[in-house]
Amino acid sequence: MKLKVLLLQYFIALDSANCCHPCLFMQKGTKLRIADFVHGADGLGNQNFPPPKGKPIEESGPAFLVRQAKLNPGKVTVVALGPLTNIALV
């Protein structure tokens, strides 16, 4: 259930920024650290945001970044807020 909440937060954040939905990879065995006592049960302050409209894509994160950069030269901004594995693989 906690992973479901984490993924929902991720897609809601992308929707609110009018972003597309790239792939999200989590390494097997990754231990999630949940701070629901601070951020609420939904991780977004219990604001009851609508469910995200987009769906995940099958393309890997690095391949998606490269493809988007080629399709939109000079118009792609990467906001890296966590582990930078996908950036390193580009």
C-alpha atoms as a PDB file:
ATOM      1  CA  MET A   1       0.000   0.000   0.000  1.00  0.00           C
ATOM      2  CA  LYS A   2       2.815   2.443   0.786  1.00  0.00           C
ATOM      3  CA  LEU A   3       4.332   1.978  -2.683  1.00  0.00           C
ATOM      4  CA  LYS A   4       0.920   2.693  -4.197  1.00  0.00           C
ATOM      5  CA  VAL A   5       0.756   5.983  -2.247  1.00  0.00           C
ATOM      6  CA  LEU A   6       4.300   6.890  -3.355  1.00  0.00           C
ATOM      7  CA  LEU A   7       3.469   6.281  -7.017  1.00  0.00           C
ATOM      8  CA  LEU A   8       0.223   8.222  -6.710  1.00  0.00           C
ATOM      9  CA  GLN A   9       2.145  11.196  -5.252  1.00  0.00           C
ATOM     10  CA  TYR A  10       4.605  11.013  -8.152  1.00  0.00           C
ATOM     11  CA  PHE A  11       1.921  11.070 -10.839  1.00  0.00           C
ATOM     12  CA  ILE A  12      -0.163  13.767  -9.122  1.00  0.00           C
ATOM     13  CA  ALA A  13       2.929  15.985  -8.928  1.00  0.00           C
ATOM     14  CA  LEU A  14       3.608  15.453 -12.643  1.00  0.00           C
ATOM     15  CA  ASP A  15      -0.019  16.198 -13.540  1.00  0.00           C
ATOM     16  CA  SER A  16      -0.026  19.405 -11.514  1.00  0.00           C
ATOM     17  CA  ALA A  17       3.080  20.558 -13.389  1.00  0.00           C
ATOM     18  CA  ASN A  18       1.541  19.577 -16.767  1.00  0.00           C
ATOM     19  CA  CYS A  19       4.344  17.084 -17.313  1.00  0.00           C
ATOM     20  CA  CYS A  20       4.281  13.785 -19.116  1.00  0.00           C
ATOM     21  CA  HIS A  21       4.795  10.569 -17.183  1.00  0.00           C
ATOM     22  CA  PRO A  22       8.202   8.942 -17.719  1.00  0.00           C
ATOM     23  CA  CYS A  23       9.070   5.572 -16.285  1.00  0.00           C
ATOM     24  CA  LEU A  24       9.836   5.324 -12.612  1.00  0.00           C
ATOM     25  CA  PHE A  25      12.335   2.671 -11.566  1.00  0.00           C
ATOM     26  CA  MET A  26      12.833   1.399  -8.037  1.00  0.00           C
ATOM     27  CA  GLN A  27      15.556  -1.059  -7.221  1.00  0.00           C
ATOM     28  CA  LYS A  28      14.312  -4.364  -5.813  1.00  0.00           C
ATOM     29  CA  GLY A  29      14.631  -4.376  -2.053  1.00  0.00           C
ATOM     30  CA  THR A  30      14.465  -0.589  -1.744  1.00  0.00           C
ATOM     31  CA  LYS A  31      13.198   0.289   1.718  1.00  0.00           C
ATOM     32  CA  LEU A  32      10.636   3.085   1.583  1.00  0.00           C
ATOM     33  CA  ARG A  33      10.837   5.710   4.295  1.00  0.00           C
ATOM     34  CA  ILE A  34       7.345   6.999   4.957  1.00  0.00           C
ATOM     35  CA  ALA A  35       6.743  10.213   6.920  1.00  0.00           C
ATOM     36  CA  ASP A  36       2.955  10.148   6.964  1.00  0.00           C
ATOM     37  CA  PHE A  37       3.001  11.752  10.403  1.00  0.00           C
ATOM     38  CA  VAL A  38       4.379  14.877   8.683  1.00  0.00           C
ATOM     39  CA  HIS A  39       3.028  14.725   5.126  1.00  0.00           C
ATOM     40  CA  GLY A  40      -0.352  13.056   5.729  1.00  0.00           C
ATOM     41  CA  ALA A  41      -1.648   9.646   4.723  1.00  0.00           C
ATOM     42  CA  ASP A  42      -1.474  10.523   1.009  1.00  0.00           C
ATOM     43  CA  GLY A  43       1.985  12.108   1.292  1.00  0.00           C
ATOM     44  CA  LEU A  44       0.622  15.375  -0.082  1.00  0.00           C
ATOM     45  CA  GLY A  45      -0.846  16.893   3.072  1.00  0.00           C
ATOM     46  CA  ASN A  46      -4.203  15.142   2.710  1.00  0.00           C
ATOM     47  CA  GLN A  47      -5.296  17.705   0.111  1.00  0.00           C
ATOM     48  CA  ASN A  48      -7.486  15.191  -1.767  1.00  0.00           C
ATOM     49  CA  PHE A  49      -6.021  15.891  -5.194  1.00  0.00           C
ATOM     50  CA  PRO A  50      -7.828  14.201  -8.102  1.00  0.00           C
ATOM     51  CA  PRO A  51      -6.260  10.994  -9.412  1.00  0.00           C
ATOM     52  CA  PRO A  52      -3.610  11.514 -12.119  1.00  0.00           C
ATOM     53  CA  LYS A  53      -4.816  11.408 -15.739  1.00  0.00           C
ATOM     54  CA  GLY A  54      -1.653  10.064 -17.367  1.00  0.00           C
ATOM     55  CA  LYS A  55      -0.277   6.543 -17.410  1.00  0.00           C
ATOM     56  CA  PRO A  56       3.316   5.296 -17.068  1.00  0.00           C
ATOM     57  CA  ILE A  57       5.172   4.583 -20.295  1.00  0.00           C
ATOM     58  CA  GLU A  58       7.249   1.508 -21.118  1.00  0.00           C
ATOM     59  CA  GLU A  59      10.359   3.472 -22.181  1.00  0.00           C
ATOM     60  CA  SER A  60      13.249   3.698 -19.715  1.00  0.00           C
ATOM     61  CA  GLY A  61      13.899   7.008 -17.969  1.00  0.00           C
ATOM     62  CA  PRO A  62      17.244   7.677 -19.719  1.00  0.00           C
ATOM     63  CA  ALA A  63      15.846   6.788 -23.168  1.00  0.00           C
ATOM     64  CA  PHE A  64      12.849   9.063 -22.533  1.00  0.00           C
ATOM     65  CA  LEU A  65      15.108  11.977 -21.558  1.00  0.00           C
ATOM     66  CA  VAL A  66      17.285  11.572 -24.638  1.00  0.00           C
ATOM     67  CA  ARG A  67      14.286  11.266 -26.973  1.00  0.00           C
ATOM     68  CA  GLN A  68      12.591  14.345 -25.504  1.00  0.00           C
ATOM     69  CA  ALA A  69      15.806  16.392 -25.693  1.00  0.00           C
ATOM     70  CA  LYS A  70      16.193  15.476 -29.373  1.00  0.00           C
ATOM     71  CA  LEU A  71      12.534  16.236 -30.147  1.00  0.00           C
ATOM     72  CA  ASN A  72      12.579  19.530 -28.228  1.00  0.00           C
ATOM     73  CA  PRO A  73      16.087  21.042 -28.467  1.00  0.00           C
ATOM     74  CA  GLY A  74      16.664  23.760 -25.901  1.00  0.00           C
ATOM     75  CA  LYS A  75      13.199  23.297 -24.363  1.00  0.00           C
ATOM     76  CA  VAL A  76      13.730  20.463 -21.871  1.00  0.00           C
ATOM     77  CA  THR A  77      14.358  21.263 -18.219  1.00  0.00           C
ATOM     78  CA  VAL A  78      15.257  18.445 -15.867  1.00  0.00           C
ATOM     79  CA  VAL A  79      14.307  18.914 -12.226  1.00  0.00           C
ATOM     80  CA  ALA A  80      16.223  16.203 -10.377  1.00  0.00           C
ATOM     81  CA  LEU A  81      14.898  15.801  -6.841  1.00  0.00           C
ATOM     82  CA  GLY A  82      16.271  12.464  -5.861  1.00  0.00           C
ATOM     83  CA  PRO A  83      18.769   9.851  -6.935  1.00  0.00           C
ATOM     84  CA  LEU A  84      20.408  10.887 -10.216  1.00  0.00           C
ATOM     85  CA  THR A  85      20.745   7.450 -11.795  1.00  0.00           C
ATOM     86  CA  ASN A  86      18.676   8.311 -14.886  1.00  0.00           C
ATOM     87  CA  ILE A  87      20.714  11.476 -15.435  1.00  0.00           C
ATOM     88  CA  ALA A  88      23.978   9.558 -15.042  1.00  0.00           C
ATOM     89  CA  LEU A  89      22.855   6.995 -17.628  1.00  0.00           C
ATOM     90  CA  VAL A  90      22.106   9.703 -20.212  1.00  0.00           C
END
